[in-house]
Amino acid sequence: MSLQSTALPGSANESHVQTGWLSWLLVSFLIYVLLAAVGAIGSGFKAAAGSDAKALFAFASNPGIALIVGVVATALIQSSSTVTSIIVGMVAGGLPISIAIPMIMGANIGTSLTSTLVSLGHIRNGEEFKRAFSAATVHDCFNILAVAILLPLELLFRPLANASEFLAGLLVSDASVSMSGMNFMKVLLSPASDLLKASVAWLPGIWSGVALILIGIGLILMVVTQIGKVLRTLMMGRAMNILHTAVGRGPVSGMASGTLVTVLVQSSSTTTSLIVPLAGTGVFSLKQVYPFILGSNIGTTITALLAATAISGAAATVALQIALVHLLFNLLAIAVIYVLPFLRQVPVIMAEAMATQAQRNKGYVAAYIVGVFFVLPLMIVGISQWL
């Protein structure tokens, strides 16, 4: 009897280790599929539009419309990682960088809807809801303020486009020269790429390209969701430990922990969904939550950077460039808004004012969510097209 009882813990431990290895193998496979899907979108756009790829995006030639596309797409999909991965593939297929940059900025705004929805879980308790709603909307306010400041600067002086182009050139050109055109990722992904292309080869004309785009987007939607689920199972305990030990130690520690937790679970939506309930119950103050959420903005850029490795050939540089834009935009936003004392408290003041209104009138919450993330963006698109 005693031998059996002592054997059980060992066998349970072996089972746990085996499950862990299987989970990591699944993550590796899903990342491979993600990279193949990003490559498929780029190939699909090239096949569908040929040499006139830029004409395919004429509807978004206005940076304002491109921004709105990013906001609405991310608000609907609920994942900036997914949208930015799709944008990387689109850039590889011919989407101009000047259009992709506002889309990336819009994705940053759209992703903040998740934390706002999570705060509704506290709506029955007035004070809890006020704390949770302010913690959630400080994310919205920061991202909206960042776009309001940096998009005009980008349109006038192109700091993000120029800096990302320079960095992408350094990172891609040396590797491609030394490999004499033999791209490691291209070789690794060619079996999956060939399979995806073969699956649509029977379709006539541009429809094979359109089908490849749709398959790529569908795979990205599925894979990013599944990666998030598996990593949350593997890492949630560690993520929560990091969150509890590092958030209250100061802004630098808070940003670092927000970045790390988001990289671990591969989702800024998950990260903010973790912190908002803790703010609602009073575990963390808005002052402590603020830098943590900014860290999540940085951590979520890892998916687009990973997706860019799927692109080879002439499009490799621009694909990496737009992924770097996402990272540089979030770093520059923190440098401009959080580092400068006179701007640092603006998102906090805005979030607290909205939370006070939301506590008084719950209808304000519904109007805010529907209006900011859907009605206003669609109205702007409609007006722009009409004019």
Protein backbone atom coordinates (compact mmCIF):
# COMPACT_ATOMS: atom_id res chain seq x y z
CA MET A 1 0.00 0.00 0.00
CA SER A 2 2.80 2.36 0.91
CA LEU A 3 4.67 1.51 -2.30
CA GLN A 4 1.61 2.41 -4.33
CA SER A 5 1.13 5.69 -2.49
CA THR A 6 4.76 6.70 -2.99
CA ALA A 7 4.57 5.86 -6.71
CA LEU A 8 1.59 8.08 -7.36
CA PRO A 9 3.30 11.49 -6.87
CA GLY A 10 6.15 10.45 -9.18
CA SER A 11 3.81 9.32 -11.92
CA ALA A 12 1.73 12.48 -11.55
CA ASN A 13 4.89 14.59 -11.84
CA GLU A 14 5.99 12.67 -14.96
CA SER A 15 2.54 13.19 -16.46
CA HIS A 16 2.76 16.93 -15.70
CA VAL A 17 6.22 17.17 -17.35
CA GLN A 18 4.96 15.26 -20.39
CA THR A 19 1.94 17.56 -20.69
CA GLY A 20 4.27 20.57 -20.46
CA TRP A 21 6.46 19.29 -23.29
CA LEU A 22 3.42 18.55 -25.45
CA SER A 23 2.12 22.07 -24.81
CA TRP A 24 5.43 23.63 -25.86
CA LEU A 25 5.49 21.46 -29.00
CA LEU A 26 1.97 22.72 -29.76
CA VAL A 27 3.12 26.33 -29.28
CA SER A 28 6.03 25.72 -31.67
CA PHE A 29 3.69 24.23 -34.27
CA LEU A 30 1.23 27.13 -33.91
CA ILE A 31 4.02 29.68 -34.36
CA TYR A 32 5.07 27.84 -37.53
CA VAL A 33 1.47 28.02 -38.83
CA LEU A 34 1.32 31.74 -37.89
CA LEU A 35 4.44 32.48 -39.93
CA ALA A 36 3.10 30.47 -42.87
CA ALA A 37 -0.23 32.34 -42.67
CA VAL A 38 1.50 35.75 -42.71
CA GLY A 39 3.49 34.68 -45.76
CA ALA A 40 0.27 33.46 -47.41
CA ILE A 41 -1.36 36.90 -47.02
CA GLY A 42 1.62 38.56 -48.71
CA SER A 43 1.60 36.02 -51.55
CA GLY A 44 -2.17 36.34 -51.88
CA PHE A 45 -2.07 40.12 -52.27
CA LYS A 46 0.65 39.83 -54.89
CA ALA A 47 -1.36 37.21 -56.80
CA ALA A 48 -4.62 39.18 -56.54
CA ALA A 49 -3.25 42.61 -57.46
CA GLY A 50 -0.12 41.82 -59.44
CA SER A 51 1.90 44.93 -60.16
CA ASP A 52 -1.05 47.13 -59.16
CA ALA A 53 -1.04 46.09 -55.49
CA LYS A 54 -1.18 49.69 -54.29
CA ALA A 55 -4.46 50.25 -56.14
CA LEU A 56 -6.00 47.55 -53.94
CA PHE A 57 -5.64 49.90 -50.96
CA ALA A 58 -6.90 53.09 -52.60
CA PHE A 59 -9.88 53.09 -50.20
CA ALA A 60 -7.45 53.80 -47.35
CA SER A 61 -5.31 56.39 -49.11
CA ASN A 62 -6.46 58.87 -46.47
CA PRO A 63 -4.45 58.34 -43.23
CA GLY A 64 -7.59 59.07 -41.22
CA ILE A 65 -9.47 56.20 -42.86
CA ALA A 66 -6.45 53.90 -42.43
CA LEU A 67 -6.46 54.78 -38.72
CA ILE A 68 -10.17 53.97 -38.43
CA VAL A 69 -9.71 50.65 -40.24
CA GLY A 70 -7.12 49.72 -37.60
CA VAL A 71 -9.42 50.77 -34.73
CA VAL A 72 -12.56 48.97 -35.95
CA ALA A 73 -10.74 45.80 -37.11
CA THR A 74 -9.00 45.43 -33.74
CA ALA A 75 -12.13 46.26 -31.74
CA LEU A 76 -14.04 43.56 -33.65
CA ILE A 77 -11.29 40.91 -33.53
CA GLN A 78 -10.21 41.87 -29.98
CA SER A 79 -6.52 41.29 -30.68
CA SER A 80 -3.97 43.86 -31.79
CA SER A 81 -1.48 40.99 -32.20
CA THR A 82 -3.74 39.44 -34.85
CA VAL A 83 -4.36 42.72 -36.69
CA THR A 84 -0.69 43.77 -36.73
CA SER A 85 0.32 40.30 -38.00
CA ILE A 86 -2.21 40.71 -40.82
CA ILE A 87 -0.85 44.20 -41.57
CA VAL A 88 2.69 42.77 -41.79
CA GLY A 89 1.46 40.31 -44.42
CA MET A 90 -0.38 43.09 -46.27
CA VAL A 91 2.74 45.27 -46.36
CA ALA A 92 4.68 42.34 -47.81
CA GLY A 93 1.98 42.16 -50.50
CA GLY A 94 2.19 45.84 -51.45
CA LEU A 95 0.32 47.89 -48.82
CA PRO A 96 2.23 51.20 -48.65
CA ILE A 97 4.00 51.95 -45.36
CA SER A 98 2.32 55.39 -45.27
CA ILE A 99 -1.09 53.63 -45.02
CA ALA A 100 0.08 50.82 -42.74
CA ILE A 101 1.45 53.18 -40.05
CA PRO A 102 -1.95 54.79 -39.21
CA MET A 103 -3.49 51.28 -39.25
CA ILE A 104 -0.93 50.16 -36.65
CA MET A 105 -1.79 53.22 -34.53
CA GLY A 106 -5.49 52.42 -34.87
CA ALA A 107 -4.84 48.86 -33.68
CA ASN A 108 -3.38 50.31 -30.49
CA ILE A 109 -6.63 52.17 -29.82
CA GLY A 110 -8.87 49.24 -30.77
CA THR A 111 -7.15 46.78 -28.42
CA SER A 112 -7.98 48.90 -25.38
CA LEU A 113 -11.66 47.99 -25.75
CA THR A 114 -11.01 44.63 -24.06
CA SER A 115 -10.02 46.08 -20.70
CA THR A 116 -13.05 48.40 -20.79
CA LEU A 117 -15.35 45.41 -21.30
CA VAL A 118 -13.63 43.53 -18.46
CA SER A 119 -14.35 46.43 -16.09
CA LEU A 120 -18.09 45.82 -16.58
CA GLY A 121 -17.74 42.78 -14.32
CA HIS A 122 -17.69 45.24 -11.39
CA ILE A 123 -20.68 47.30 -12.54
CA ARG A 124 -22.92 46.28 -9.59
CA ASN A 125 -20.53 47.71 -7.00
CA GLY A 126 -20.26 51.49 -7.40
CA GLU A 127 -16.78 52.11 -5.94
CA GLU A 128 -15.28 48.93 -7.38
CA PHE A 129 -16.66 49.79 -10.81
CA LYS A 130 -15.27 53.31 -10.61
CA ARG A 131 -11.77 51.97 -9.82
CA ALA A 132 -11.97 49.24 -12.50
CA PHE A 133 -13.36 51.57 -15.18
CA SER A 134 -10.68 54.18 -14.53
CA ALA A 135 -7.96 51.48 -14.70
CA ALA A 136 -9.40 50.24 -17.99
CA THR A 137 -9.95 53.60 -19.67
CA VAL A 138 -6.51 54.95 -18.75
CA HIS A 139 -5.39 52.52 -21.48
CA ASP A 140 -7.89 54.03 -23.95
CA CYS A 141 -6.96 57.59 -23.01
CA PHE A 142 -3.21 57.02 -23.27
CA ASN A 143 -3.49 55.34 -26.69
CA ILE A 144 -5.87 58.00 -28.06
CA LEU A 145 -3.60 60.80 -26.77
CA ALA A 146 -0.55 59.03 -28.27
CA VAL A 147 -2.21 58.90 -31.70
CA ALA A 148 -3.42 62.52 -31.42
CA ILE A 149 0.18 63.66 -30.82
CA LEU A 150 2.22 61.26 -32.94
CA LEU A 151 0.06 60.83 -36.07
CA PRO A 152 0.31 64.54 -37.06
CA LEU A 153 4.05 64.43 -36.31
CA GLU A 154 4.38 61.32 -38.48
CA LEU A 155 2.47 62.92 -41.36
CA LEU A 156 4.67 66.03 -41.19
CA PHE A 157 8.15 64.66 -40.39
CA ARG A 158 7.93 60.83 -40.74
CA PRO A 159 10.04 59.99 -37.64
CA LEU A 160 8.61 56.46 -37.31
CA ALA A 161 8.93 55.66 -41.03
CA ASN A 162 12.51 56.95 -41.19
CA ALA A 163 13.73 55.33 -37.96
CA SER A 164 12.09 51.97 -38.75
CA GLU A 165 13.44 52.01 -42.32
CA PHE A 166 16.97 52.62 -41.02
CA LEU A 167 16.74 49.85 -38.40
CA ALA A 168 15.12 47.37 -40.80
CA GLY A 169 17.85 48.03 -43.34
CA LEU A 170 20.51 47.24 -40.75
CA LEU A 171 18.79 44.06 -39.59
CA VAL A 172 17.82 42.61 -42.97
CA SER A 173 20.44 43.67 -45.55
CA ASP A 174 23.49 42.23 -43.78
CA ALA A 175 21.80 38.86 -43.28
CA SER A 176 20.59 38.63 -46.86
CA VAL A 177 24.02 39.47 -48.29
CA SER A 178 25.84 36.98 -46.09
CA MET A 179 23.37 34.23 -46.99
CA SER A 180 23.71 35.00 -50.72
CA GLY A 181 19.96 35.14 -51.13
CA MET A 182 19.41 31.84 -49.30
CA ASN A 183 16.85 32.77 -46.66
CA PHE A 184 16.60 30.29 -43.75
CA MET A 185 12.99 31.15 -42.94
CA LYS A 186 11.97 30.79 -46.58
CA VAL A 187 13.39 27.26 -46.68
CA LEU A 188 11.77 26.37 -43.35
CA LEU A 189 8.35 27.68 -44.37
CA SER A 190 8.35 26.49 -48.00
CA PRO A 191 6.52 23.17 -47.30
CA ALA A 192 3.61 24.99 -45.63
CA SER A 193 3.66 27.80 -48.21
CA ASP A 194 3.61 25.33 -51.10
CA LEU A 195 0.74 23.41 -49.49
CA LEU A 196 -1.35 26.58 -49.03
CA LYS A 197 -0.69 27.74 -52.60
CA ALA A 198 -1.54 24.28 -53.97
CA SER A 199 -4.85 24.30 -52.07
CA VAL A 200 -6.06 27.34 -54.05
CA ALA A 201 -4.23 26.77 -57.35
CA TRP A 202 -7.40 25.36 -58.96
CA LEU A 203 -9.18 28.73 -58.68
CA PRO A 204 -9.13 30.99 -61.78
CA GLY A 205 -7.34 34.34 -62.09
CA ILE A 206 -7.18 36.62 -59.07
CA TRP A 207 -9.48 34.35 -57.04
CA SER A 208 -6.59 32.10 -56.03
CA GLY A 209 -4.93 35.16 -54.50
CA VAL A 210 -8.14 36.24 -52.75
CA ALA A 211 -8.63 32.73 -51.36
CA LEU A 212 -5.01 32.69 -50.12
CA ILE A 213 -5.59 36.01 -48.32
CA LEU A 214 -8.75 34.70 -46.66
CA ILE A 215 -7.05 31.45 -45.62
CA GLY A 216 -4.10 33.41 -44.20
CA ILE A 217 -6.36 35.72 -42.19
CA GLY A 218 -8.43 32.78 -40.94
CA LEU A 219 -5.33 30.89 -39.84
CA ILE A 220 -3.95 33.95 -38.03
CA LEU A 221 -7.26 34.45 -36.20
CA MET A 222 -7.27 30.82 -35.11
CA VAL A 223 -3.57 30.52 -34.29
CA VAL A 224 -3.21 33.71 -32.22
CA THR A 225 -6.25 32.67 -30.16
CA GLN A 226 -4.90 29.16 -29.61
CA ILE A 227 -1.38 30.36 -28.76
CA GLY A 228 -2.90 32.67 -26.18
CA LYS A 229 -4.92 29.82 -24.62
CA VAL A 230 -1.96 27.43 -24.43
CA LEU A 231 0.45 30.05 -23.08
CA ARG A 232 -2.08 31.20 -20.50
CA THR A 233 -2.32 27.61 -19.26
CA LEU A 234 1.48 27.28 -19.16
CA MET A 235 2.36 30.72 -17.85
CA MET A 236 -0.57 32.12 -15.90
CA GLY A 237 0.90 31.16 -12.54
CA ARG A 238 4.24 32.78 -13.36
CA ALA A 239 2.53 35.79 -14.90
CA MET A 240 0.47 36.37 -11.77
CA ASN A 241 3.58 36.03 -9.57
CA ILE A 242 5.38 38.63 -11.68
CA LEU A 243 2.35 40.89 -11.55
CA HIS A 244 1.98 40.73 -7.77
CA THR A 245 5.69 41.15 -6.97
CA ALA A 246 6.65 43.84 -9.49
CA VAL A 247 3.67 46.15 -10.11
CA GLY A 248 3.83 48.01 -6.81
CA ARG A 249 7.58 48.68 -6.87
CA GLY A 250 7.53 51.75 -9.10
CA PRO A 251 6.90 52.81 -12.71
CA VAL A 252 9.99 51.18 -14.26
CA SER A 253 9.27 47.87 -12.53
CA GLY A 254 5.60 48.18 -13.49
CA MET A 255 6.38 48.74 -17.19
CA ALA A 256 8.92 45.91 -17.21
CA SER A 257 6.44 43.50 -15.62
CA GLY A 258 3.67 44.58 -18.03
CA THR A 259 6.01 43.93 -20.96
CA LEU A 260 7.15 40.55 -19.62
CA VAL A 261 3.68 39.29 -18.72
CA THR A 262 2.38 40.26 -22.18
CA VAL A 263 5.28 38.47 -23.89
CA LEU A 264 4.60 35.39 -21.73
CA VAL A 265 0.88 35.19 -22.52
CA GLN A 266 1.16 36.72 -26.04
CA SER A 267 -1.78 39.04 -25.52
CA SER A 268 -2.06 42.58 -24.20
CA SER A 269 -5.82 41.96 -23.89
CA THR A 270 -5.10 39.15 -21.42
CA THR A 271 -2.62 41.30 -19.50
CA THR A 272 -5.03 44.18 -19.06
CA SER A 273 -7.82 41.70 -18.24
CA LEU A 274 -5.65 40.46 -15.37
CA ILE A 275 -4.89 43.87 -13.90
CA VAL A 276 -8.31 45.58 -14.18
CA PRO A 277 -10.11 43.31 -11.66
CA LEU A 278 -7.20 43.75 -9.23
CA ALA A 279 -7.57 47.51 -9.57
CA GLY A 280 -11.32 47.21 -9.08
CA THR A 281 -10.94 45.32 -5.81
CA GLY A 282 -8.34 47.82 -4.58
CA VAL A 283 -5.26 45.55 -4.73
CA PHE A 284 -3.51 48.07 -7.00
CA SER A 285 -4.06 51.80 -7.38
CA LEU A 286 -4.53 53.60 -10.70
CA LYS A 287 -1.04 55.06 -10.26
CA GLN A 288 0.41 51.51 -10.10
CA VAL A 289 -1.75 50.14 -12.93
CA TYR A 290 -0.88 52.97 -15.36
CA PRO A 291 2.79 52.02 -16.09
CA PHE A 292 1.93 48.29 -16.11
CA ILE A 293 -0.57 48.86 -18.93
CA LEU A 294 2.02 50.88 -20.86
CA GLY A 295 4.35 47.90 -20.56
CA SER A 296 1.65 45.71 -22.12
CA ASN A 297 1.67 48.03 -25.15
CA ILE A 298 5.37 47.23 -25.63
CA GLY A 299 5.00 43.49 -25.01
CA THR A 300 2.27 43.05 -27.62
CA THR A 301 4.64 44.18 -30.41
CA ILE A 302 6.55 40.88 -30.20
CA THR A 303 3.93 39.08 -32.34
CA ALA A 304 4.34 41.41 -35.33
CA LEU A 305 8.13 41.21 -35.04
CA LEU A 306 7.85 37.42 -35.06
CA ALA A 307 5.45 37.54 -38.02
CA ALA A 308 7.92 39.67 -40.01
CA THR A 309 10.45 36.82 -39.98
CA ALA A 310 8.09 34.90 -42.28
CA ILE A 311 8.71 37.34 -45.13
CA SER A 312 11.69 36.87 -47.42
CA GLY A 313 13.06 38.47 -50.55
CA ALA A 314 12.49 42.10 -51.52
CA ALA A 315 9.54 42.50 -49.13
CA ALA A 316 11.51 41.38 -46.05
CA THR A 317 12.74 44.89 -45.24
CA VAL A 318 9.33 46.60 -45.43
CA ALA A 319 7.67 43.78 -43.46
CA LEU A 320 10.21 44.16 -40.67
CA GLN A 321 9.90 47.94 -40.97
CA ILE A 322 6.17 47.99 -40.18
CA ALA A 323 6.69 45.59 -37.26
CA LEU A 324 9.37 47.95 -35.92
CA VAL A 325 6.96 50.88 -36.38
CA HIS A 326 4.62 49.21 -33.86
CA LEU A 327 7.44 48.91 -31.32
CA LEU A 328 8.86 52.41 -31.93
CA PHE A 329 5.40 54.00 -31.77
CA ASN A 330 4.75 52.57 -28.30
CA LEU A 331 8.25 53.48 -27.05
CA LEU A 332 7.96 57.02 -28.42
CA ALA A 333 4.47 57.42 -26.92
CA ILE A 334 5.85 56.55 -23.48
CA ALA A 335 8.80 58.90 -23.98
CA VAL A 336 6.54 61.79 -24.98
CA ILE A 337 3.55 61.30 -22.68
CA TYR A 338 4.75 59.44 -19.58
CA VAL A 339 8.25 60.90 -19.29
CA LEU A 340 7.10 64.52 -19.71
CA PRO A 341 5.59 65.59 -16.34
CA PHE A 342 2.99 67.97 -17.81
CA LEU A 343 1.52 65.21 -20.03
CA ARG A 344 1.90 62.22 -17.68
CA GLN A 345 -1.27 62.85 -15.69
CA VAL A 346 -3.51 63.74 -18.65
CA PRO A 347 -4.68 60.13 -19.34
CA VAL A 348 -5.20 59.61 -15.59
CA ILE A 349 -7.31 62.77 -15.25
CA MET A 350 -9.35 61.80 -18.34
CA ALA A 351 -9.89 58.24 -17.05
CA GLU A 352 -10.94 59.38 -13.57
CA ALA A 353 -13.40 61.90 -15.02
CA MET A 354 -14.98 59.24 -17.25
CA ALA A 355 -15.13 56.76 -14.36
CA THR A 356 -17.01 59.32 -12.26
CA GLN A 357 -19.55 59.79 -15.07
CA ALA A 358 -19.84 56.02 -15.57
CA GLN A 359 -20.49 55.48 -11.87
CA ARG A 360 -23.32 58.02 -11.92
CA ASN A 361 -24.96 56.81 -15.14
CA LYS A 362 -24.45 53.28 -16.48
CA GLY A 363 -25.90 54.34 -19.86
CA TYR A 364 -22.77 56.48 -20.27
CA VAL A 365 -20.69 53.26 -20.38
CA ALA A 366 -22.66 51.77 -23.29
CA ALA A 367 -22.61 55.09 -25.16
CA TYR A 368 -18.85 55.39 -24.62
CA ILE A 369 -18.03 51.86 -25.86
CA VAL A 370 -20.33 51.89 -28.90
CA GLY A 371 -19.60 55.51 -29.77
CA VAL A 372 -15.80 55.59 -29.45
CA PHE A 373 -15.00 52.18 -30.94
CA PHE A 374 -17.70 51.76 -33.60
CA VAL A 375 -20.13 54.62 -34.38
CA LEU A 376 -17.64 57.52 -34.48
CA PRO A 377 -15.03 55.61 -36.56
CA LEU A 378 -17.66 54.44 -39.07
CA MET A 379 -19.10 57.96 -39.31
CA ILE A 380 -15.62 59.33 -40.08
CA VAL A 381 -15.15 56.70 -42.81
CA GLY A 382 -18.58 57.51 -44.29
CA ILE A 383 -17.97 61.26 -44.29
CA SER A 384 -14.51 60.82 -45.82
CA GLN A 385 -15.88 58.64 -48.63
CA TRP A 386 -18.76 61.05 -49.25
CA LEU A 387 -16.44 64.06 -49.48
